[in-house]
Amino acid sequence: MKSAVFFERDGVINAYAKGASSKEPPTTLEAFKLLGGIEALMASLKEAGLLIFVTTHQPGLSQGTLDRRELERMHRIMRAKLPIDEVLICPHEASDACSCAKPNTGLYKELEHQYRIDMDHSYVVSDKWQDAAAAHTLGCVSVMLDSPHLGKAPRDYVTSSLDEVGEKILYLHTHQSELVLV
């Protein structure tokens, strides 16, 4: 079985939409900007043998505020610059009660089955409570970027930078056979 890192897209891989008063995802290619340090982080995790996945909730698709072709263009650029194995999208609105909108675990379960992932030795990276809650349900380690969107969901680690995220995951991955959960 393989270990993986599941990245939330908005706020971790790319910046929120410029001028947005809350955590609004970019809706145009021009607004889609990768965060500094994400390329080096993913490259080091990939070099360590981890699978890299992106899971993202994009309700703008079903609301009509995000064009699917524009989203695909953003993801083509993201995949060209980053060593990503797969990108999974939840296009539903919160009121749709789907199994893939986080904190539900549908996106993660699909990847777990397809890639034979060892969830107990995998990691979720995000700045939102929904991803931390999903990680807790799945048995993954949550390595969160400090943000006002963390809420009170259980989480394993809170970091202040992408560099710290990488250091924590690489340490845990390298020493996983020595770490014993009590």
N, C-alpha and C. Protein backbone atom coordinates (compact mmCIF):
# COMPACT_ATOMS: atom_id res chain seq x y z
N MET A 1 0.84 -1.18 0.00
CA MET A 1 0.00 0.00 0.00
C MET A 1 0.89 1.24 0.00
N LYS A 2 0.35 2.31 -0.55
CA LYS A 2 1.13 3.53 -0.73
C LYS A 2 0.66 4.62 0.22
N SER A 3 1.56 5.53 0.53
CA SER A 3 1.23 6.72 1.31
C SER A 3 1.00 7.88 0.35
N ALA A 4 0.13 8.80 0.77
CA ALA A 4 -0.23 9.92 -0.10
C ALA A 4 -0.37 11.20 0.70
N VAL A 5 -0.34 12.31 -0.03
CA VAL A 5 -0.66 13.61 0.54
C VAL A 5 -1.82 14.17 -0.27
N PHE A 6 -2.89 14.53 0.44
CA PHE A 6 -4.08 15.12 -0.16
C PHE A 6 -4.05 16.61 0.12
N PHE A 7 -3.95 17.41 -0.92
CA PHE A 7 -3.91 18.86 -0.79
C PHE A 7 -5.27 19.46 -1.11
N GLU A 8 -5.74 20.34 -0.26
CA GLU A 8 -6.85 21.23 -0.62
C GLU A 8 -6.27 22.24 -1.60
N ARG A 9 -7.01 22.61 -2.61
CA ARG A 9 -6.49 23.51 -3.63
C ARG A 9 -6.45 24.96 -3.15
N ASP A 10 -7.62 25.55 -2.93
CA ASP A 10 -7.72 26.98 -2.66
C ASP A 10 -7.17 27.33 -1.27
N GLY A 11 -6.23 28.25 -1.23
CA GLY A 11 -5.62 28.68 0.02
C GLY A 11 -4.36 27.91 0.38
N VAL A 12 -4.11 26.81 -0.32
CA VAL A 12 -2.91 26.00 -0.07
C VAL A 12 -2.04 25.94 -1.32
N ILE A 13 -2.65 25.62 -2.45
CA ILE A 13 -1.92 25.54 -3.71
C ILE A 13 -1.98 26.88 -4.44
N ASN A 14 -3.14 27.48 -4.41
CA ASN A 14 -3.33 28.78 -5.07
C ASN A 14 -3.95 29.77 -4.09
N ALA A 15 -3.78 31.04 -4.41
CA ALA A 15 -4.33 32.11 -3.59
C ALA A 15 -5.84 32.20 -3.80
N TYR A 16 -6.52 32.70 -2.80
CA TYR A 16 -7.94 33.00 -2.96
C TYR A 16 -8.09 34.14 -3.97
N ALA A 17 -9.27 34.31 -4.49
CA ALA A 17 -9.52 35.36 -5.47
C ALA A 17 -9.16 36.71 -4.89
N LYS A 18 -8.46 37.49 -5.67
CA LYS A 18 -8.00 38.81 -5.22
C LYS A 18 -9.21 39.69 -4.90
N GLY A 19 -9.11 40.33 -3.74
CA GLY A 19 -10.17 41.23 -3.33
C GLY A 19 -11.37 40.54 -2.71
N ALA A 20 -11.35 39.20 -2.67
CA ALA A 20 -12.47 38.49 -2.08
C ALA A 20 -12.49 38.72 -0.57
N SER A 21 -13.65 38.98 -0.03
CA SER A 21 -13.76 39.25 1.40
C SER A 21 -13.71 37.97 2.22
N SER A 22 -13.93 36.83 1.58
CA SER A 22 -13.84 35.56 2.28
C SER A 22 -13.01 34.60 1.44
N LYS A 23 -13.11 33.34 1.70
CA LYS A 23 -12.30 32.35 1.00
C LYS A 23 -12.88 31.96 -0.35
N GLU A 24 -13.01 32.91 -1.24
CA GLU A 24 -13.57 32.67 -2.57
C GLU A 24 -12.49 32.15 -3.51
N PRO A 25 -12.78 31.04 -4.21
CA PRO A 25 -11.81 30.52 -5.17
C PRO A 25 -11.76 31.40 -6.41
N PRO A 26 -10.64 31.38 -7.12
CA PRO A 26 -10.58 32.13 -8.38
C PRO A 26 -11.54 31.53 -9.40
N THR A 27 -12.12 32.38 -10.21
CA THR A 27 -13.06 31.91 -11.23
C THR A 27 -12.54 32.13 -12.65
N THR A 28 -11.36 32.76 -12.76
CA THR A 28 -10.75 32.96 -14.07
C THR A 28 -9.30 32.53 -14.03
N LEU A 29 -8.77 32.20 -15.18
CA LEU A 29 -7.37 31.82 -15.27
C LEU A 29 -6.47 32.97 -14.81
N GLU A 30 -6.86 34.19 -15.13
CA GLU A 30 -6.06 35.36 -14.75
C GLU A 30 -5.98 35.50 -13.22
N ALA A 31 -7.01 35.07 -12.51
CA ALA A 31 -7.04 35.18 -11.05
C ALA A 31 -6.37 33.98 -10.37
N PHE A 32 -6.04 32.95 -11.13
CA PHE A 32 -5.47 31.72 -10.57
C PHE A 32 -3.96 31.88 -10.44
N LYS A 33 -3.47 32.00 -9.20
CA LYS A 33 -2.05 32.21 -8.92
C LYS A 33 -1.56 31.17 -7.92
N LEU A 34 -0.53 30.41 -8.31
CA LEU A 34 0.06 29.44 -7.39
C LEU A 34 0.76 30.18 -6.26
N LEU A 35 0.68 29.62 -5.07
CA LEU A 35 1.35 30.22 -3.92
C LEU A 35 2.85 29.92 -3.98
N GLY A 36 3.65 30.86 -3.51
CA GLY A 36 5.09 30.66 -3.44
C GLY A 36 5.42 29.51 -2.51
N GLY A 37 6.30 28.65 -2.94
CA GLY A 37 6.74 27.52 -2.12
C GLY A 37 6.02 26.22 -2.40
N ILE A 38 4.90 26.26 -3.10
CA ILE A 38 4.14 25.02 -3.34
C ILE A 38 4.88 24.09 -4.29
N GLU A 39 5.59 24.64 -5.28
CA GLU A 39 6.33 23.79 -6.22
C GLU A 39 7.43 23.01 -5.51
N ALA A 40 8.21 23.69 -4.67
CA ALA A 40 9.29 23.03 -3.93
C ALA A 40 8.74 22.00 -2.95
N LEU A 41 7.65 22.35 -2.28
CA LEU A 41 7.04 21.42 -1.32
C LEU A 41 6.60 20.14 -2.01
N MET A 42 5.85 20.26 -3.07
CA MET A 42 5.36 19.06 -3.75
C MET A 42 6.50 18.24 -4.35
N ALA A 43 7.51 18.92 -4.87
CA ALA A 43 8.66 18.20 -5.44
C ALA A 43 9.36 17.37 -4.36
N SER A 44 9.52 17.93 -3.16
CA SER A 44 10.20 17.19 -2.09
C SER A 44 9.35 16.01 -1.60
N LEU A 45 8.05 16.18 -1.57
CA LEU A 45 7.17 15.08 -1.15
C LEU A 45 7.15 13.97 -2.20
N LYS A 46 7.14 14.35 -3.46
CA LYS A 46 7.16 13.37 -4.55
C LYS A 46 8.48 12.60 -4.53
N GLU A 47 9.57 13.33 -4.32
CA GLU A 47 10.89 12.70 -4.24
C GLU A 47 10.98 11.69 -3.09
N ALA A 48 10.22 11.94 -2.03
CA ALA A 48 10.19 11.03 -0.87
C ALA A 48 9.30 9.81 -1.13
N GLY A 49 8.68 9.75 -2.31
CA GLY A 49 7.88 8.58 -2.67
C GLY A 49 6.40 8.69 -2.37
N LEU A 50 5.93 9.86 -2.02
CA LEU A 50 4.52 10.04 -1.71
C LEU A 50 3.71 10.35 -2.98
N LEU A 51 2.50 9.83 -3.04
CA LEU A 51 1.56 10.20 -4.09
C LEU A 51 1.01 11.58 -3.74
N ILE A 52 0.72 12.38 -4.74
CA ILE A 52 0.22 13.75 -4.54
C ILE A 52 -1.15 13.88 -5.20
N PHE A 53 -2.14 14.23 -4.38
CA PHE A 53 -3.50 14.42 -4.88
C PHE A 53 -4.02 15.80 -4.49
N VAL A 54 -4.91 16.32 -5.32
CA VAL A 54 -5.60 17.57 -5.01
C VAL A 54 -7.08 17.25 -4.95
N THR A 55 -7.72 17.65 -3.85
CA THR A 55 -9.16 17.51 -3.71
C THR A 55 -9.72 18.91 -3.52
N THR A 56 -10.73 19.24 -4.29
CA THR A 56 -11.24 20.61 -4.22
C THR A 56 -12.75 20.66 -4.40
N HIS A 57 -13.37 21.50 -3.61
CA HIS A 57 -14.81 21.73 -3.69
C HIS A 57 -15.02 23.00 -4.51
N GLN A 58 -15.68 22.87 -5.64
CA GLN A 58 -15.92 23.99 -6.55
C GLN A 58 -17.41 24.12 -6.84
N PRO A 59 -18.19 24.59 -5.84
CA PRO A 59 -19.64 24.69 -6.04
C PRO A 59 -20.02 25.71 -7.11
N GLY A 60 -19.10 26.57 -7.52
CA GLY A 60 -19.37 27.52 -8.58
C GLY A 60 -19.75 26.83 -9.88
N LEU A 61 -19.31 25.58 -10.06
CA LEU A 61 -19.68 24.82 -11.27
C LEU A 61 -21.20 24.62 -11.32
N SER A 62 -21.78 24.19 -10.22
CA SER A 62 -23.23 23.95 -10.22
C SER A 62 -24.03 25.25 -10.06
N GLN A 63 -23.40 26.27 -9.49
CA GLN A 63 -24.08 27.56 -9.31
C GLN A 63 -24.02 28.42 -10.57
N GLY A 64 -23.16 28.05 -11.52
CA GLY A 64 -23.04 28.80 -12.76
C GLY A 64 -22.09 29.99 -12.67
N THR A 65 -21.32 30.09 -11.58
CA THR A 65 -20.37 31.20 -11.45
C THR A 65 -18.95 30.81 -11.85
N LEU A 66 -18.74 29.53 -12.19
CA LEU A 66 -17.44 29.03 -12.62
C LEU A 66 -17.64 28.19 -13.87
N ASP A 67 -16.98 28.55 -14.94
CA ASP A 67 -17.06 27.83 -16.20
C ASP A 67 -16.14 26.61 -16.14
N ARG A 68 -16.67 25.44 -16.51
CA ARG A 68 -15.88 24.20 -16.45
C ARG A 68 -14.61 24.29 -17.30
N ARG A 69 -14.70 24.90 -18.48
CA ARG A 69 -13.50 25.03 -19.33
C ARG A 69 -12.45 25.90 -18.66
N GLU A 70 -12.89 26.93 -17.96
CA GLU A 70 -11.94 27.81 -17.26
C GLU A 70 -11.27 27.04 -16.12
N LEU A 71 -12.05 26.24 -15.40
CA LEU A 71 -11.49 25.41 -14.33
C LEU A 71 -10.49 24.41 -14.90
N GLU A 72 -10.81 23.80 -16.01
CA GLU A 72 -9.90 22.85 -16.65
C GLU A 72 -8.60 23.53 -17.07
N ARG A 73 -8.69 24.76 -17.55
CA ARG A 73 -7.48 25.51 -17.91
C ARG A 73 -6.62 25.76 -16.68
N MET A 74 -7.25 26.12 -15.57
CA MET A 74 -6.49 26.33 -14.32
C MET A 74 -5.79 25.04 -13.92
N HIS A 75 -6.50 23.94 -14.01
CA HIS A 75 -5.93 22.67 -13.58
C HIS A 75 -4.84 22.16 -14.53
N ARG A 76 -4.96 22.46 -15.82
CA ARG A 76 -3.87 22.10 -16.74
C ARG A 76 -2.58 22.83 -16.36
N ILE A 77 -2.69 24.11 -16.04
CA ILE A 77 -1.51 24.87 -15.63
C ILE A 77 -0.97 24.33 -14.31
N MET A 78 -1.85 24.05 -13.37
CA MET A 78 -1.43 23.52 -12.07
C MET A 78 -0.69 22.19 -12.26
N ARG A 79 -1.25 21.32 -13.08
CA ARG A 79 -0.63 20.00 -13.29
C ARG A 79 0.67 20.10 -14.07
N ALA A 80 0.80 21.09 -14.95
CA ALA A 80 2.04 21.27 -15.70
C ALA A 80 3.18 21.74 -14.79
N LYS A 81 2.86 22.47 -13.75
CA LYS A 81 3.88 23.02 -12.86
C LYS A 81 4.14 22.19 -11.61
N LEU A 82 3.20 21.31 -11.27
CA LEU A 82 3.29 20.56 -10.01
C LEU A 82 3.21 19.06 -10.28
N PRO A 83 3.92 18.25 -9.48
CA PRO A 83 3.91 16.79 -9.69
C PRO A 83 2.67 16.12 -9.07
N ILE A 84 1.52 16.41 -9.64
CA ILE A 84 0.24 15.93 -9.11
C ILE A 84 -0.16 14.64 -9.82
N ASP A 85 -0.55 13.64 -9.03
CA ASP A 85 -1.00 12.37 -9.60
C ASP A 85 -2.45 12.43 -10.07
N GLU A 86 -3.28 13.19 -9.35
CA GLU A 86 -4.70 13.26 -9.72
C GLU A 86 -5.34 14.46 -9.05
N VAL A 87 -6.34 15.04 -9.72
CA VAL A 87 -7.15 16.13 -9.17
C VAL A 87 -8.60 15.65 -9.17
N LEU A 88 -9.24 15.69 -8.01
CA LEU A 88 -10.66 15.35 -7.93
C LEU A 88 -11.45 16.57 -7.47
N ILE A 89 -12.61 16.76 -8.11
CA ILE A 89 -13.43 17.95 -7.87
C ILE A 89 -14.81 17.54 -7.39
N CYS A 90 -15.29 18.22 -6.36
CA CYS A 90 -16.70 18.14 -5.99
C CYS A 90 -17.37 19.38 -6.57
N PRO A 91 -18.30 19.22 -7.53
CA PRO A 91 -18.94 20.37 -8.17
C PRO A 91 -20.25 20.78 -7.51
N HIS A 92 -20.62 20.12 -6.43
CA HIS A 92 -21.95 20.29 -5.85
C HIS A 92 -22.06 21.48 -4.90
N GLU A 93 -23.29 21.96 -4.76
CA GLU A 93 -23.58 22.97 -3.75
C GLU A 93 -23.74 22.27 -2.40
N ALA A 94 -23.55 22.99 -1.31
CA ALA A 94 -23.69 22.41 0.02
C ALA A 94 -25.07 21.79 0.23
N SER A 95 -26.08 22.37 -0.36
CA SER A 95 -27.44 21.85 -0.19
C SER A 95 -27.71 20.56 -0.95
N ASP A 96 -26.77 20.12 -1.80
CA ASP A 96 -26.96 18.90 -2.59
C ASP A 96 -26.80 17.61 -1.78
N ALA A 97 -26.24 17.70 -0.61
CA ALA A 97 -26.05 16.53 0.26
C ALA A 97 -25.31 15.39 -0.46
N CYS A 98 -24.24 15.71 -1.15
CA CYS A 98 -23.44 14.70 -1.85
C CYS A 98 -22.45 14.06 -0.88
N SER A 99 -21.82 13.00 -1.32
CA SER A 99 -20.83 12.32 -0.47
C SER A 99 -19.42 12.85 -0.68
N CYS A 100 -19.26 13.78 -1.63
CA CYS A 100 -17.90 14.23 -1.94
C CYS A 100 -17.56 15.62 -1.38
N ALA A 101 -18.54 16.41 -0.98
CA ALA A 101 -18.23 17.72 -0.40
C ALA A 101 -17.68 17.50 1.01
N LYS A 102 -16.51 18.02 1.26
CA LYS A 102 -15.89 17.86 2.57
C LYS A 102 -16.70 18.61 3.63
N PRO A 103 -16.86 18.07 4.80
CA PRO A 103 -16.05 17.04 5.45
C PRO A 103 -16.39 15.60 5.08
N ASN A 104 -17.32 15.38 4.14
CA ASN A 104 -17.56 14.01 3.67
C ASN A 104 -16.29 13.50 3.00
N THR A 105 -16.17 12.20 2.89
CA THR A 105 -14.89 11.61 2.48
C THR A 105 -14.93 10.94 1.10
N GLY A 106 -15.96 11.23 0.31
CA GLY A 106 -16.11 10.55 -0.98
C GLY A 106 -14.92 10.69 -1.91
N LEU A 107 -14.37 11.90 -2.03
CA LEU A 107 -13.22 12.11 -2.92
C LEU A 107 -12.02 11.29 -2.45
N TYR A 108 -11.77 11.30 -1.15
CA TYR A 108 -10.64 10.56 -0.58
C TYR A 108 -10.83 9.06 -0.77
N LYS A 109 -12.05 8.57 -0.53
CA LYS A 109 -12.33 7.13 -0.66
C LYS A 109 -12.13 6.65 -2.09
N GLU A 110 -12.51 7.48 -3.05
CA GLU A 110 -12.31 7.13 -4.45
C GLU A 110 -10.82 6.95 -4.75
N LEU A 111 -10.01 7.88 -4.28
CA LEU A 111 -8.56 7.79 -4.50
C LEU A 111 -7.95 6.63 -3.72
N GLU A 112 -8.43 6.41 -2.49
CA GLU A 112 -7.92 5.30 -1.68
C GLU A 112 -8.10 3.97 -2.41
N HIS A 113 -9.27 3.76 -2.97
CA HIS A 113 -9.55 2.52 -3.67
C HIS A 113 -8.75 2.42 -4.98
N GLN A 114 -8.75 3.48 -5.75
CA GLN A 114 -8.10 3.46 -7.06
C GLN A 114 -6.59 3.26 -6.95
N TYR A 115 -5.95 3.89 -5.96
CA TYR A 115 -4.49 3.86 -5.85
C TYR A 115 -3.97 2.95 -4.73
N ARG A 116 -4.88 2.25 -4.04
CA ARG A 116 -4.48 1.37 -2.92
C ARG A 116 -3.66 2.14 -1.88
N ILE A 117 -4.26 3.16 -1.31
CA ILE A 117 -3.59 4.06 -0.39
C ILE A 117 -3.75 3.57 1.05
N ASP A 118 -2.67 3.64 1.78
CA ASP A 118 -2.66 3.36 3.22
C ASP A 118 -3.02 4.67 3.93
N MET A 119 -4.28 4.82 4.29
CA MET A 119 -4.74 6.07 4.87
C MET A 119 -4.09 6.36 6.23
N ASP A 120 -3.72 5.32 6.98
CA ASP A 120 -3.07 5.53 8.28
C ASP A 120 -1.69 6.14 8.14
N HIS A 121 -1.10 6.08 6.95
CA HIS A 121 0.21 6.66 6.70
C HIS A 121 0.13 7.71 5.59
N SER A 122 -0.99 8.42 5.57
CA SER A 122 -1.20 9.48 4.58
C SER A 122 -1.56 10.77 5.29
N TYR A 123 -1.56 11.86 4.54
CA TYR A 123 -1.64 13.21 5.12
C TYR A 123 -2.63 14.07 4.34
N VAL A 124 -3.30 14.95 5.07
CA VAL A 124 -4.19 15.94 4.47
C VAL A 124 -3.62 17.31 4.80
N VAL A 125 -3.45 18.14 3.77
CA VAL A 125 -2.92 19.49 3.94
C VAL A 125 -4.01 20.48 3.52
N SER A 126 -4.35 21.39 4.43
CA SER A 126 -5.40 22.35 4.14
C SER A 126 -5.31 23.54 5.09
N ASP A 127 -6.20 24.49 4.87
CA ASP A 127 -6.36 25.62 5.78
C ASP A 127 -7.80 25.71 6.25
N LYS A 128 -8.58 24.62 6.08
CA LYS A 128 -10.01 24.63 6.39
C LYS A 128 -10.39 23.47 7.30
N TRP A 129 -11.34 23.73 8.19
CA TRP A 129 -11.79 22.72 9.14
C TRP A 129 -12.39 21.50 8.45
N GLN A 130 -13.02 21.67 7.30
CA GLN A 130 -13.66 20.55 6.62
C GLN A 130 -12.66 19.46 6.26
N ASP A 131 -11.47 19.86 5.84
CA ASP A 131 -10.44 18.88 5.48
C ASP A 131 -9.87 18.21 6.73
N ALA A 132 -9.72 18.97 7.81
CA ALA A 132 -9.24 18.39 9.07
C ALA A 132 -10.24 17.35 9.57
N ALA A 133 -11.52 17.64 9.48
CA ALA A 133 -12.55 16.70 9.91
C ALA A 133 -12.53 15.44 9.05
N ALA A 134 -12.37 15.61 7.73
CA ALA A 134 -12.29 14.45 6.84
C ALA A 134 -11.06 13.60 7.18
N ALA A 135 -9.92 14.25 7.41
CA ALA A 135 -8.70 13.51 7.77
C ALA A 135 -8.93 12.70 9.04
N HIS A 136 -9.58 13.30 10.02
CA HIS A 136 -9.87 12.62 11.29
C HIS A 136 -10.73 11.38 11.04
N THR A 137 -11.76 11.52 10.22
CA THR A 137 -12.64 10.39 9.90
C THR A 137 -11.88 9.28 9.17
N LEU A 138 -10.98 9.65 8.28
CA LEU A 138 -10.24 8.68 7.46
C LEU A 138 -9.08 8.03 8.18
N GLY A 139 -8.61 8.65 9.27
CA GLY A 139 -7.43 8.15 9.95
C GLY A 139 -6.13 8.71 9.40
N CYS A 140 -6.23 9.73 8.55
CA CYS A 140 -5.04 10.41 8.01
C CYS A 140 -4.52 11.42 9.03
N VAL A 141 -3.28 11.81 8.87
CA VAL A 141 -2.70 12.88 9.67
C VAL A 141 -3.04 14.21 9.01
N SER A 142 -3.60 15.13 9.77
CA SER A 142 -3.91 16.46 9.22
C SER A 142 -2.78 17.42 9.57
N VAL A 143 -2.24 18.05 8.54
CA VAL A 143 -1.19 19.06 8.69
C VAL A 143 -1.77 20.34 8.11
N MET A 144 -2.22 21.20 9.00
CA MET A 144 -3.00 22.36 8.60
C MET A 144 -2.15 23.62 8.58
N LEU A 145 -2.46 24.49 7.60
CA LEU A 145 -1.89 25.84 7.59
C LEU A 145 -2.78 26.70 8.47
N ASP A 146 -2.17 27.46 9.35
CA ASP A 146 -2.93 28.31 10.25
C ASP A 146 -3.76 29.31 9.44
N SER A 147 -5.04 29.38 9.75
CA SER A 147 -5.93 30.31 9.04
C SER A 147 -7.18 30.54 9.88
N PRO A 148 -7.93 31.58 9.56
CA PRO A 148 -9.19 31.81 10.26
C PRO A 148 -10.27 30.78 9.92
N HIS A 149 -10.00 29.89 8.96
CA HIS A 149 -10.99 28.92 8.50
C HIS A 149 -10.82 27.55 9.16
N LEU A 150 -9.95 27.44 10.17
CA LEU A 150 -9.68 26.14 10.80
C LEU A 150 -10.81 25.66 11.70
N GLY A 151 -11.55 26.58 12.29
CA GLY A 151 -12.64 26.16 13.17
C GLY A 151 -12.14 25.35 14.34
N LYS A 152 -12.99 24.47 14.83
CA LYS A 152 -12.66 23.68 16.01
C LYS A 152 -12.57 22.18 15.71
N ALA A 153 -12.51 21.82 14.45
CA ALA A 153 -12.40 20.40 14.08
C ALA A 153 -11.11 19.81 14.63
N PRO A 154 -11.12 18.53 14.99
CA PRO A 154 -9.87 17.90 15.45
C PRO A 154 -8.82 17.98 14.35
N ARG A 155 -7.60 18.25 14.74
CA ARG A 155 -6.50 18.31 13.78
C ARG A 155 -5.23 17.89 14.50
N ASP A 156 -4.28 17.38 13.72
CA ASP A 156 -3.06 16.87 14.32
C ASP A 156 -1.99 17.95 14.47
N TYR A 157 -1.74 18.71 13.42
CA TYR A 157 -0.69 19.73 13.45
C TYR A 157 -1.19 21.00 12.78
N VAL A 158 -0.81 22.14 13.34
CA VAL A 158 -1.08 23.43 12.72
C VAL A 158 0.26 24.09 12.48
N THR A 159 0.51 24.48 11.24
CA THR A 159 1.80 25.07 10.86
C THR A 159 1.57 26.50 10.36
N SER A 160 2.65 27.24 10.28
CA SER A 160 2.52 28.63 9.84
C SER A 160 3.00 28.86 8.41
N SER A 161 3.54 27.81 7.75
CA SER A 161 4.06 28.01 6.40
C SER A 161 4.10 26.67 5.65
N LEU A 162 4.21 26.77 4.33
CA LEU A 162 4.36 25.56 3.52
C LEU A 162 5.66 24.85 3.83
N ASP A 163 6.70 25.61 4.17
CA ASP A 163 7.97 24.97 4.57
C ASP A 163 7.76 24.07 5.78
N GLU A 164 7.02 24.55 6.77
CA GLU A 164 6.74 23.75 7.97
C GLU A 164 5.89 22.53 7.63
N VAL A 165 4.96 22.69 6.72
CA VAL A 165 4.14 21.55 6.28
C VAL A 165 5.07 20.46 5.74
N GLY A 166 5.97 20.84 4.85
CA GLY A 166 6.90 19.88 4.27
C GLY A 166 7.79 19.22 5.30
N GLU A 167 8.34 20.00 6.20
CA GLU A 167 9.20 19.45 7.25
C GLU A 167 8.45 18.42 8.09
N LYS A 168 7.21 18.74 8.47
CA LYS A 168 6.43 17.84 9.33
C LYS A 168 6.10 16.55 8.59
N ILE A 169 5.62 16.66 7.36
CA ILE A 169 5.25 15.45 6.62
C ILE A 169 6.47 14.58 6.33
N LEU A 170 7.57 15.20 5.91
CA LEU A 170 8.77 14.41 5.62
C LEU A 170 9.31 13.73 6.87
N TYR A 171 9.26 14.41 8.01
CA TYR A 171 9.70 13.79 9.26
C TYR A 171 8.80 12.60 9.60
N LEU A 172 7.50 12.80 9.57
CA LEU A 172 6.57 11.72 9.91
C LEU A 172 6.68 10.56 8.93
N HIS A 173 6.79 10.86 7.65
CA HIS A 173 6.90 9.81 6.64
C HIS A 173 8.19 9.00 6.81
N THR A 174 9.28 9.69 7.06
CA THR A 174 10.57 9.03 7.23
C THR A 174 10.62 8.18 8.49
N HIS A 175 9.93 8.62 9.53
CA HIS A 175 9.98 7.92 10.82
C HIS A 175 8.71 7.15 11.13
N GLN A 176 7.86 6.89 10.14
CA GLN A 176 6.59 6.24 10.42
C GLN A 176 6.72 4.87 11.07
N SER A 177 7.76 4.13 10.76
CA SER A 177 7.91 2.82 11.36
C SER A 177 8.33 2.92 12.83
N GLU A 178 8.88 4.07 13.24
CA GLU A 178 9.29 4.26 14.62
C GLU A 178 8.17 4.82 15.48
N LEU A 179 7.20 5.47 14.85
CA LEU A 179 6.12 6.11 15.60
C LEU A 179 5.03 5.09 15.90
N VAL A 180 4.64 5.04 17.13
CA VAL A 180 3.60 4.12 17.55
C VAL A 180 2.45 4.94 18.13
N LEU A 181 1.26 4.72 17.60
CA LEU A 181 0.09 5.43 18.14
C LEU A 181 -0.37 4.70 19.39
N VAL A 182 -0.67 5.46 20.40
CA VAL A 182 -1.11 4.89 21.67
C VAL A 182 -2.61 4.97 21.76
